[in-house]
Full PDB file with SEQRES, HELIX, SHEET, SSBOND, CRYST1, ORIGX, SCALE, CONECT and MASTER records, all heavy atoms in Angstrom:
SEQRES   1 A   34  GLY SER LEU GLU GLU PRO LYS ALA GLU SER SER ILE SER          
SEQRES   2 A   34  LEU LEU PRO HIS LEU GLU ALA LYS ILE ARG GLN THR HIS          
SEQRES   3 A   34  SER LEU ALA ARG LEU LEU THR LYS                              
HELIX    1 AA1 GLU A    5  THR A   33  1                                  29    
CRYST1    1.000    1.000    1.000  90.00  90.00  90.00 P 1           1          
ORIGX1      1.000000  0.000000  0.000000        0.00000                         
ORIGX2      0.000000  1.000000  0.000000        0.00000                         
ORIGX3      0.000000  0.000000  1.000000        0.00000                         
SCALE1      1.000000  0.000000  0.000000        0.00000                         
SCALE2      0.000000  1.000000  0.000000        0.00000                         
SCALE3      0.000000  0.000000  1.000000        0.00000                         
ATOM      1  N   GLY A   1      65.459 -28.950 -21.510  1.00  0.00           N  
ATOM      2  CA  GLY A   1      64.096 -29.509 -21.779  1.00  0.00           C  
ATOM      3  C   GLY A   1      63.666 -30.346 -20.649  1.00  0.00           C  
ATOM      4  O   GLY A   1      62.480 -30.351 -20.277  1.00  0.00           O  
ATOM      5  N   SER A   2      64.504 -31.104 -19.961  1.00  0.00           N  
ATOM      6  CA  SER A   2      64.057 -32.009 -18.896  1.00  0.00           C  
ATOM      7  C   SER A   2      63.642 -31.211 -17.672  1.00  0.00           C  
ATOM      8  O   SER A   2      62.825 -31.616 -16.873  1.00  0.00           O  
ATOM      9  CB  SER A   2      65.257 -32.918 -18.567  1.00  0.00           C  
ATOM     10  OG  SER A   2      66.345 -32.221 -17.983  1.00  0.00           O  
ATOM     11  N   LEU A   3      64.194 -29.901 -17.499  1.00  0.00           N  
ATOM     12  CA  LEU A   3      63.838 -29.113 -16.412  1.00  0.00           C  
ATOM     13  C   LEU A   3      62.415 -28.551 -16.585  1.00  0.00           C  
ATOM     14  O   LEU A   3      61.706 -28.203 -15.686  1.00  0.00           O  
ATOM     15  CB  LEU A   3      64.750 -27.974 -16.277  1.00  0.00           C  
ATOM     16  CG  LEU A   3      66.137 -28.326 -15.753  1.00  0.00           C  
ATOM     17  CD1 LEU A   3      67.110 -27.165 -15.705  1.00  0.00           C  
ATOM     18  CD2 LEU A   3      66.094 -28.969 -14.346  1.00  0.00           C  
ATOM     19  N   GLU A   4      61.927 -28.406 -17.850  1.00  0.00           N  
ATOM     20  CA  GLU A   4      60.660 -27.818 -18.090  1.00  0.00           C  
ATOM     21  C   GLU A   4      59.473 -28.815 -17.906  1.00  0.00           C  
ATOM     22  O   GLU A   4      58.385 -28.452 -17.589  1.00  0.00           O  
ATOM     23  CB  GLU A   4      60.619 -27.296 -19.616  1.00  0.00           C  
ATOM     24  CG  GLU A   4      61.498 -26.080 -19.852  1.00  0.00           C  
ATOM     25  CD  GLU A   4      61.041 -24.909 -19.087  1.00  0.00           C  
ATOM     26  OE1 GLU A   4      59.787 -24.729 -18.878  1.00  0.00           O  
ATOM     27  OE2 GLU A   4      61.907 -24.103 -18.636  1.00  0.00           O  
ATOM     28  N   GLU A   5      59.772 -30.124 -18.065  1.00  0.00           N  
ATOM     29  CA  GLU A   5      58.691 -31.113 -18.023  1.00  0.00           C  
ATOM     30  C   GLU A   5      58.027 -31.183 -16.668  1.00  0.00           C  
ATOM     31  O   GLU A   5      56.803 -31.219 -16.662  1.00  0.00           O  
ATOM     32  CB  GLU A   5      59.303 -32.444 -18.454  1.00  0.00           C  
ATOM     33  CG  GLU A   5      59.681 -32.478 -19.972  1.00  0.00           C  
ATOM     34  CD  GLU A   5      60.415 -33.736 -20.254  1.00  0.00           C  
ATOM     35  OE1 GLU A   5      60.517 -34.612 -19.429  1.00  0.00           O  
ATOM     36  OE2 GLU A   5      60.723 -33.858 -21.442  1.00  0.00           O  
ATOM     37  N   PRO A   6      58.797 -31.255 -15.552  1.00  0.00           N  
ATOM     38  CA  PRO A   6      58.041 -31.362 -14.226  1.00  0.00           C  
ATOM     39  C   PRO A   6      57.125 -30.203 -13.997  1.00  0.00           C  
ATOM     40  O   PRO A   6      56.065 -30.413 -13.410  1.00  0.00           O  
ATOM     41  CB  PRO A   6      59.227 -31.440 -13.234  1.00  0.00           C  
ATOM     42  CG  PRO A   6      60.366 -31.894 -13.985  1.00  0.00           C  
ATOM     43  CD  PRO A   6      60.278 -31.361 -15.327  1.00  0.00           C  
ATOM     44  N   LYS A   7      57.423 -28.993 -14.464  1.00  0.00           N  
ATOM     45  CA  LYS A   7      56.632 -27.863 -14.243  1.00  0.00           C  
ATOM     46  C   LYS A   7      55.294 -28.074 -14.980  1.00  0.00           C  
ATOM     47  O   LYS A   7      54.237 -27.769 -14.435  1.00  0.00           O  
ATOM     48  CB  LYS A   7      57.297 -26.581 -14.728  1.00  0.00           C  
ATOM     49  CG  LYS A   7      56.477 -25.294 -14.439  1.00  0.00           C  
ATOM     50  CD  LYS A   7      57.175 -24.120 -15.085  1.00  0.00           C  
ATOM     51  CE  LYS A   7      58.469 -23.871 -14.447  1.00  0.00           C  
ATOM     52  NZ  LYS A   7      59.212 -22.655 -15.010  1.00  0.00           N  
ATOM     53  N   ALA A   8      55.287 -28.536 -16.211  1.00  0.00           N  
ATOM     54  CA  ALA A   8      54.104 -28.736 -16.964  1.00  0.00           C  
ATOM     55  C   ALA A   8      53.278 -29.886 -16.283  1.00  0.00           C  
ATOM     56  O   ALA A   8      52.020 -29.814 -16.163  1.00  0.00           O  
ATOM     57  CB  ALA A   8      54.409 -29.153 -18.398  1.00  0.00           C  
ATOM     58  N   GLU A   9      53.914 -30.904 -15.809  1.00  0.00           N  
ATOM     59  CA  GLU A   9      53.251 -31.993 -15.197  1.00  0.00           C  
ATOM     60  C   GLU A   9      52.530 -31.548 -13.927  1.00  0.00           C  
ATOM     61  O   GLU A   9      51.428 -31.958 -13.676  1.00  0.00           O  
ATOM     62  CB  GLU A   9      54.207 -33.112 -14.928  1.00  0.00           C  
ATOM     63  CG  GLU A   9      54.615 -33.849 -16.221  1.00  0.00           C  
ATOM     64  CD  GLU A   9      55.702 -34.929 -15.835  1.00  0.00           C  
ATOM     65  OE1 GLU A   9      56.079 -35.084 -14.713  1.00  0.00           O  
ATOM     66  OE2 GLU A   9      56.249 -35.586 -16.776  1.00  0.00           O  
ATOM     67  N   SER A  10      53.253 -30.673 -13.144  1.00  0.00           N  
ATOM     68  CA  SER A  10      52.641 -30.264 -11.840  1.00  0.00           C  
ATOM     69  C   SER A  10      51.351 -29.426 -12.056  1.00  0.00           C  
ATOM     70  O   SER A  10      50.384 -29.505 -11.406  1.00  0.00           O  
ATOM     71  CB  SER A  10      53.648 -29.550 -11.029  1.00  0.00           C  
ATOM     72  OG  SER A  10      53.992 -28.303 -11.655  1.00  0.00           O  
ATOM     73  N   SER A  11      51.396 -28.577 -13.153  1.00  0.00           N  
ATOM     74  CA  SER A  11      50.222 -27.705 -13.372  1.00  0.00           C  
ATOM     75  C   SER A  11      49.070 -28.562 -13.877  1.00  0.00           C  
ATOM     76  O   SER A  11      47.948 -28.258 -13.577  1.00  0.00           O  
ATOM     77  CB  SER A  11      50.621 -26.618 -14.439  1.00  0.00           C  
ATOM     78  OG  SER A  11      50.941 -27.328 -15.701  1.00  0.00           O  
ATOM     79  N   ILE A  12      49.369 -29.646 -14.618  1.00  0.00           N  
ATOM     80  CA  ILE A  12      48.266 -30.418 -15.055  1.00  0.00           C  
ATOM     81  C   ILE A  12      47.697 -31.297 -13.938  1.00  0.00           C  
ATOM     82  O   ILE A  12      46.546 -31.527 -13.764  1.00  0.00           O  
ATOM     83  CB  ILE A  12      48.761 -31.379 -16.183  1.00  0.00           C  
ATOM     84  CG1 ILE A  12      49.086 -30.467 -17.471  1.00  0.00           C  
ATOM     85  CG2 ILE A  12      47.710 -32.399 -16.570  1.00  0.00           C  
ATOM     86  CD1 ILE A  12      49.721 -31.334 -18.623  1.00  0.00           C  
ATOM     87  N   SER A  13      48.557 -31.861 -13.019  1.00  0.00           N  
ATOM     88  CA  SER A  13      48.133 -32.666 -11.964  1.00  0.00           C  
ATOM     89  C   SER A  13      47.349 -31.906 -10.930  1.00  0.00           C  
ATOM     90  O   SER A  13      46.553 -32.498 -10.179  1.00  0.00           O  
ATOM     91  CB  SER A  13      49.384 -33.339 -11.295  1.00  0.00           C  
ATOM     92  OG  SER A  13      50.125 -32.274 -10.669  1.00  0.00           O  
ATOM     93  N   LEU A  14      47.414 -30.576 -10.928  1.00  0.00           N  
ATOM     94  CA  LEU A  14      46.608 -29.836 -10.019  1.00  0.00           C  
ATOM     95  C   LEU A  14      45.112 -29.894 -10.355  1.00  0.00           C  
ATOM     96  O   LEU A  14      44.255 -29.803  -9.413  1.00  0.00           O  
ATOM     97  CB  LEU A  14      47.080 -28.328 -10.000  1.00  0.00           C  
ATOM     98  CG  LEU A  14      46.278 -27.377  -9.168  1.00  0.00           C  
ATOM     99  CD1 LEU A  14      46.501 -27.738  -7.681  1.00  0.00           C  
ATOM    100  CD2 LEU A  14      46.731 -25.892  -9.408  1.00  0.00           C  
ATOM    101  N   LEU A  15      44.781 -29.985 -11.588  1.00  0.00           N  
ATOM    102  CA  LEU A  15      43.387 -30.018 -11.987  1.00  0.00           C  
ATOM    103  C   LEU A  15      42.556 -31.133 -11.392  1.00  0.00           C  
ATOM    104  O   LEU A  15      41.493 -30.797 -10.879  1.00  0.00           O  
ATOM    105  CB  LEU A  15      43.295 -29.925 -13.557  1.00  0.00           C  
ATOM    106  CG  LEU A  15      43.927 -28.718 -14.242  1.00  0.00           C  
ATOM    107  CD1 LEU A  15      43.814 -28.844 -15.732  1.00  0.00           C  
ATOM    108  CD2 LEU A  15      43.255 -27.443 -13.743  1.00  0.00           C  
ATOM    109  N   PRO A  16      42.968 -32.362 -11.465  1.00  0.00           N  
ATOM    110  CA  PRO A  16      42.220 -33.409 -10.867  1.00  0.00           C  
ATOM    111  C   PRO A  16      42.110 -33.213  -9.338  1.00  0.00           C  
ATOM    112  O   PRO A  16      41.095 -33.565  -8.667  1.00  0.00           O  
ATOM    113  CB  PRO A  16      42.963 -34.730 -11.185  1.00  0.00           C  
ATOM    114  CG  PRO A  16      43.781 -34.424 -12.456  1.00  0.00           C  
ATOM    115  CD  PRO A  16      44.165 -32.916 -12.223  1.00  0.00           C  
ATOM    116  N   HIS A  17      43.194 -32.678  -8.737  1.00  0.00           N  
ATOM    117  CA  HIS A  17      43.161 -32.428  -7.296  1.00  0.00           C  
ATOM    118  C   HIS A  17      42.094 -31.406  -6.965  1.00  0.00           C  
ATOM    119  O   HIS A  17      41.298 -31.606  -5.971  1.00  0.00           O  
ATOM    120  CB  HIS A  17      44.541 -31.938  -6.820  1.00  0.00           C  
ATOM    121  CG  HIS A  17      44.516 -31.519  -5.374  1.00  0.00           C  
ATOM    122  ND1 HIS A  17      44.490 -32.405  -4.338  1.00  0.00           N  
ATOM    123  CD2 HIS A  17      44.572 -30.285  -4.851  1.00  0.00           C  
ATOM    124  CE1 HIS A  17      44.523 -31.704  -3.155  1.00  0.00           C  
ATOM    125  NE2 HIS A  17      44.592 -30.442  -3.473  1.00  0.00           N  
ATOM    126  N   LEU A  18      42.027 -30.353  -7.720  1.00  0.00           N  
ATOM    127  CA  LEU A  18      40.979 -29.242  -7.477  1.00  0.00           C  
ATOM    128  C   LEU A  18      39.574 -29.823  -7.749  1.00  0.00           C  
ATOM    129  O   LEU A  18      38.692 -29.536  -6.924  1.00  0.00           O  
ATOM    130  CB  LEU A  18      41.255 -28.103  -8.453  1.00  0.00           C  
ATOM    131  CG  LEU A  18      40.196 -26.956  -8.456  1.00  0.00           C  
ATOM    132  CD1 LEU A  18      40.038 -26.402  -7.059  1.00  0.00           C  
ATOM    133  CD2 LEU A  18      40.641 -25.823  -9.407  1.00  0.00           C  
ATOM    134  N   GLU A  19      39.454 -30.560  -8.770  1.00  0.00           N  
ATOM    135  CA  GLU A  19      38.083 -31.189  -9.019  1.00  0.00           C  
ATOM    136  C   GLU A  19      37.644 -32.112  -7.843  1.00  0.00           C  
ATOM    137  O   GLU A  19      36.484 -32.054  -7.468  1.00  0.00           O  
ATOM    138  CB  GLU A  19      38.079 -31.984 -10.349  1.00  0.00           C  
ATOM    139  CG  GLU A  19      36.747 -32.566 -10.768  1.00  0.00           C  
ATOM    140  CD  GLU A  19      36.815 -33.285 -12.082  1.00  0.00           C  
ATOM    141  OE1 GLU A  19      37.860 -33.392 -12.659  1.00  0.00           O  
ATOM    142  OE2 GLU A  19      35.821 -33.809 -12.470  1.00  0.00           O  
ATOM    143  N   ALA A  20      38.573 -32.880  -7.423  1.00  0.00           N  
ATOM    144  CA  ALA A  20      38.266 -33.746  -6.272  1.00  0.00           C  
ATOM    145  C   ALA A  20      37.849 -33.043  -5.006  1.00  0.00           C  
ATOM    146  O   ALA A  20      36.928 -33.377  -4.353  1.00  0.00           O  
ATOM    147  CB  ALA A  20      39.443 -34.693  -5.964  1.00  0.00           C  
ATOM    148  N   LYS A  21      38.567 -31.915  -4.775  1.00  0.00           N  
ATOM    149  CA  LYS A  21      38.266 -31.076  -3.607  1.00  0.00           C  
ATOM    150  C   LYS A  21      36.883 -30.412  -3.727  1.00  0.00           C  
ATOM    151  O   LYS A  21      36.089 -30.385  -2.765  1.00  0.00           O  
ATOM    152  CB  LYS A  21      39.309 -30.021  -3.401  1.00  0.00           C  
ATOM    153  CG  LYS A  21      39.123 -29.071  -2.237  1.00  0.00           C  
ATOM    154  CD  LYS A  21      39.140 -29.897  -0.954  1.00  0.00           C  
ATOM    155  CE  LYS A  21      38.941 -29.041   0.288  1.00  0.00           C  
ATOM    156  NZ  LYS A  21      38.884 -29.843   1.526  1.00  0.00           N  
ATOM    157  N   ILE A  22      36.578 -29.925  -4.949  1.00  0.00           N  
ATOM    158  CA  ILE A  22      35.258 -29.373  -5.212  1.00  0.00           C  
ATOM    159  C   ILE A  22      34.142 -30.372  -4.934  1.00  0.00           C  
ATOM    160  O   ILE A  22      33.129 -30.098  -4.249  1.00  0.00           O  
ATOM    161  CB  ILE A  22      35.129 -28.735  -6.615  1.00  0.00           C  
ATOM    162  CG1 ILE A  22      36.103 -27.555  -6.643  1.00  0.00           C  
ATOM    163  CG2 ILE A  22      33.721 -28.325  -6.923  1.00  0.00           C  
ATOM    164  CD1 ILE A  22      36.226 -26.950  -8.072  1.00  0.00           C  
ATOM    165  N   ARG A  23      34.339 -31.603  -5.507  1.00  0.00           N  
ATOM    166  CA  ARG A  23      33.319 -32.621  -5.341  1.00  0.00           C  
ATOM    167  C   ARG A  23      33.174 -33.035  -3.901  1.00  0.00           C  
ATOM    168  O   ARG A  23      32.058 -33.310  -3.429  1.00  0.00           O  
ATOM    169  CB  ARG A  23      33.702 -33.808  -6.169  1.00  0.00           C  
ATOM    170  CG  ARG A  23      33.560 -33.603  -7.690  1.00  0.00           C  
ATOM    171  CD  ARG A  23      33.774 -34.887  -8.545  1.00  0.00           C  
ATOM    172  NE  ARG A  23      33.634 -34.593  -9.951  1.00  0.00           N  
ATOM    173  CZ  ARG A  23      32.445 -34.572 -10.583  1.00  0.00           C  
ATOM    174  NH1 ARG A  23      31.363 -34.790  -9.899  1.00  0.00           N  
ATOM    175  NH2 ARG A  23      32.375 -34.308 -11.880  1.00  0.00           N  
ATOM    176  N   GLN A  24      34.272 -33.094  -3.203  1.00  0.00           N  
ATOM    177  CA  GLN A  24      34.251 -33.475  -1.825  1.00  0.00           C  
ATOM    178  C   GLN A  24      33.455 -32.431  -0.966  1.00  0.00           C  
ATOM    179  O   GLN A  24      32.669 -32.788  -0.076  1.00  0.00           O  
ATOM    180  CB  GLN A  24      35.661 -33.666  -1.217  1.00  0.00           C  
ATOM    181  CG  GLN A  24      35.744 -34.023   0.224  1.00  0.00           C  
ATOM    182  CD  GLN A  24      37.130 -34.029   0.708  1.00  0.00           C  
ATOM    183  OE1 GLN A  24      38.018 -33.254   0.296  1.00  0.00           O  
ATOM    184  NE2 GLN A  24      37.533 -34.969   1.621  1.00  0.00           N  
ATOM    185  N   THR A  25      33.747 -31.161  -1.269  1.00  0.00           N  
ATOM    186  CA  THR A  25      33.031 -30.045  -0.559  1.00  0.00           C  
ATOM    187  C   THR A  25      31.574 -30.014  -0.903  1.00  0.00           C  
ATOM    188  O   THR A  25      30.754 -29.790   0.004  1.00  0.00           O  
ATOM    189  CB  THR A  25      33.702 -28.735  -0.879  1.00  0.00           C  
ATOM    190  OG1 THR A  25      35.139 -28.873  -0.642  1.00  0.00           O  
ATOM    191  CG2 THR A  25      33.236 -27.600  -0.021  1.00  0.00           C  
ATOM    192  N   HIS A  26      31.292 -30.223  -2.131  1.00  0.00           N  
ATOM    193  CA  HIS A  26      29.859 -30.282  -2.591  1.00  0.00           C  
ATOM    194  C   HIS A  26      29.149 -31.477  -1.923  1.00  0.00           C  
ATOM    195  O   HIS A  26      27.949 -31.246  -1.439  1.00  0.00           O  
ATOM    196  CB  HIS A  26      29.823 -30.493  -4.181  1.00  0.00           C  
ATOM    197  CG  HIS A  26      28.430 -30.546  -4.686  1.00  0.00           C  
ATOM    198  ND1 HIS A  26      27.866 -31.661  -5.173  1.00  0.00           N  
ATOM    199  CD2 HIS A  26      27.422 -29.574  -4.718  1.00  0.00           C  
ATOM    200  CE1 HIS A  26      26.634 -31.442  -5.561  1.00  0.00           C  
ATOM    201  NE2 HIS A  26      26.373 -30.225  -5.334  1.00  0.00           N  
ATOM    202  N   SER A  27      29.790 -32.607  -1.805  1.00  0.00           N  
ATOM    203  CA  SER A  27      29.079 -33.729  -1.050  1.00  0.00           C  
ATOM    204  C   SER A  27      28.849 -33.357   0.418  1.00  0.00           C  
ATOM    205  O   SER A  27      27.829 -33.789   1.012  1.00  0.00           O  
ATOM    206  CB  SER A  27      29.936 -34.931  -1.223  1.00  0.00           C  
ATOM    207  OG  SER A  27      30.111 -35.378  -2.519  1.00  0.00           O  
ATOM    208  N   LEU A  28      29.863 -32.665   1.022  1.00  0.00           N  
ATOM    209  CA  LEU A  28      29.645 -32.304   2.429  1.00  0.00           C  
ATOM    210  C   LEU A  28      28.497 -31.299   2.555  1.00  0.00           C  
ATOM    211  O   LEU A  28      27.691 -31.428   3.435  1.00  0.00           O  
ATOM    212  CB  LEU A  28      30.939 -31.574   2.944  1.00  0.00           C  
ATOM    213  CG  LEU A  28      30.867 -30.968   4.364  1.00  0.00           C  
ATOM    214  CD1 LEU A  28      30.586 -32.068   5.340  1.00  0.00           C  
ATOM    215  CD2 LEU A  28      32.202 -30.266   4.641  1.00  0.00           C  
ATOM    216  N   ALA A  29      28.431 -30.334   1.626  1.00  0.00           N  
ATOM    217  CA  ALA A  29      27.262 -29.367   1.655  1.00  0.00           C  
ATOM    218  C   ALA A  29      25.950 -30.044   1.472  1.00  0.00           C  
ATOM    219  O   ALA A  29      24.983 -29.770   2.100  1.00  0.00           O  
ATOM    220  CB  ALA A  29      27.545 -28.299   0.589  1.00  0.00           C  
ATOM    221  N   ARG A  30      25.906 -31.057   0.589  1.00  0.00           N  
ATOM    222  CA  ARG A  30      24.662 -31.793   0.344  1.00  0.00           C  
ATOM    223  C   ARG A  30      24.276 -32.532   1.619  1.00  0.00           C  
ATOM    224  O   ARG A  30      23.058 -32.558   1.909  1.00  0.00           O  
ATOM    225  CB  ARG A  30      24.780 -32.724  -0.818  1.00  0.00           C  
ATOM    226  CG  ARG A  30      23.525 -33.434  -1.198  1.00  0.00           C  
ATOM    227  CD  ARG A  30      23.656 -34.239  -2.568  1.00  0.00           C  
ATOM    228  NE  ARG A  30      24.667 -35.174  -2.532  1.00  0.00           N  
ATOM    229  CZ  ARG A  30      25.772 -35.133  -3.306  1.00  0.00           C  
ATOM    230  NH1 ARG A  30      25.868 -34.133  -4.165  1.00  0.00           N  
ATOM    231  NH2 ARG A  30      26.749 -36.087  -3.231  1.00  0.00           N  
ATOM    232  N   LEU A  31      25.193 -33.122   2.281  1.00  0.00           N  
ATOM    233  CA  LEU A  31      24.871 -33.867   3.490  1.00  0.00           C  
ATOM    234  C   LEU A  31      24.454 -32.927   4.628  1.00  0.00           C  
ATOM    235  O   LEU A  31      23.442 -33.181   5.321  1.00  0.00           O  
ATOM    236  CB  LEU A  31      26.198 -34.630   4.003  1.00  0.00           C  
ATOM    237  CG  LEU A  31      26.024 -35.434   5.265  1.00  0.00           C  
ATOM    238  CD1 LEU A  31      25.052 -36.561   5.035  1.00  0.00           C  
ATOM    239  CD2 LEU A  31      27.405 -35.956   5.691  1.00  0.00           C  
ATOM    240  N   LEU A  32      25.062 -31.747   4.720  1.00  0.00           N  
ATOM    241  CA  LEU A  32      24.686 -30.838   5.753  1.00  0.00           C  
ATOM    242  C   LEU A  32      23.379 -30.113   5.497  1.00  0.00           C  
ATOM    243  O   LEU A  32      22.648 -29.723   6.379  1.00  0.00           O  
ATOM    244  CB  LEU A  32      25.750 -29.726   5.916  1.00  0.00           C  
ATOM    245  CG  LEU A  32      27.071 -30.213   6.410  1.00  0.00           C  
ATOM    246  CD1 LEU A  32      28.000 -29.031   6.748  1.00  0.00           C  
ATOM    247  CD2 LEU A  32      27.020 -31.200   7.489  1.00  0.00           C  
ATOM    248  N   THR A  33      22.927 -30.113   4.206  1.00  0.00           N  
ATOM    249  CA  THR A  33      21.582 -29.576   3.873  1.00  0.00           C  
ATOM    250  C   THR A  33      20.556 -30.523   4.516  1.00  0.00           C  
ATOM    251  O   THR A  33      19.556 -30.071   5.054  1.00  0.00           O  
ATOM    252  CB  THR A  33      21.414 -29.537   2.301  1.00  0.00           C  
ATOM    253  OG1 THR A  33      22.352 -28.570   1.764  1.00  0.00           O  
ATOM    254  CG2 THR A  33      19.991 -29.068   1.966  1.00  0.00           C  
ATOM    255  N   LYS A  34      20.739 -31.825   4.425  1.00  0.00           N  
ATOM    256  CA  LYS A  34      19.819 -32.801   5.055  1.00  0.00           C  
ATOM    257  C   LYS A  34      19.918 -32.621   6.541  1.00  0.00           C  
ATOM    258  O   LYS A  34      18.808 -32.671   7.197  1.00  0.00           O  
ATOM    259  CB  LYS A  34      20.155 -34.158   4.647  1.00  0.00           C  
ATOM    260  CG  LYS A  34      20.072 -34.458   3.173  1.00  0.00           C  
ATOM    261  CD  LYS A  34      20.501 -35.880   2.839  1.00  0.00           C  
ATOM    262  CE  LYS A  34      20.421 -36.135   1.343  1.00  0.00           C  
ATOM    263  NZ  LYS A  34      20.859 -37.545   0.996  1.00  0.00           N  
TER     264      LYS A  34                                                      
MASTER        0    0    0    1    0    0    0    6  263    1    0    3          
END                                                                             
């Protein structure tokens, strides 16, 4: 059971990282539009 837990945690922790990357890229695109 203890071996399964890190896998679940890593898949969940990817989501905030992806959202942050999307927001960062969107901010860059907005700046470059100006």
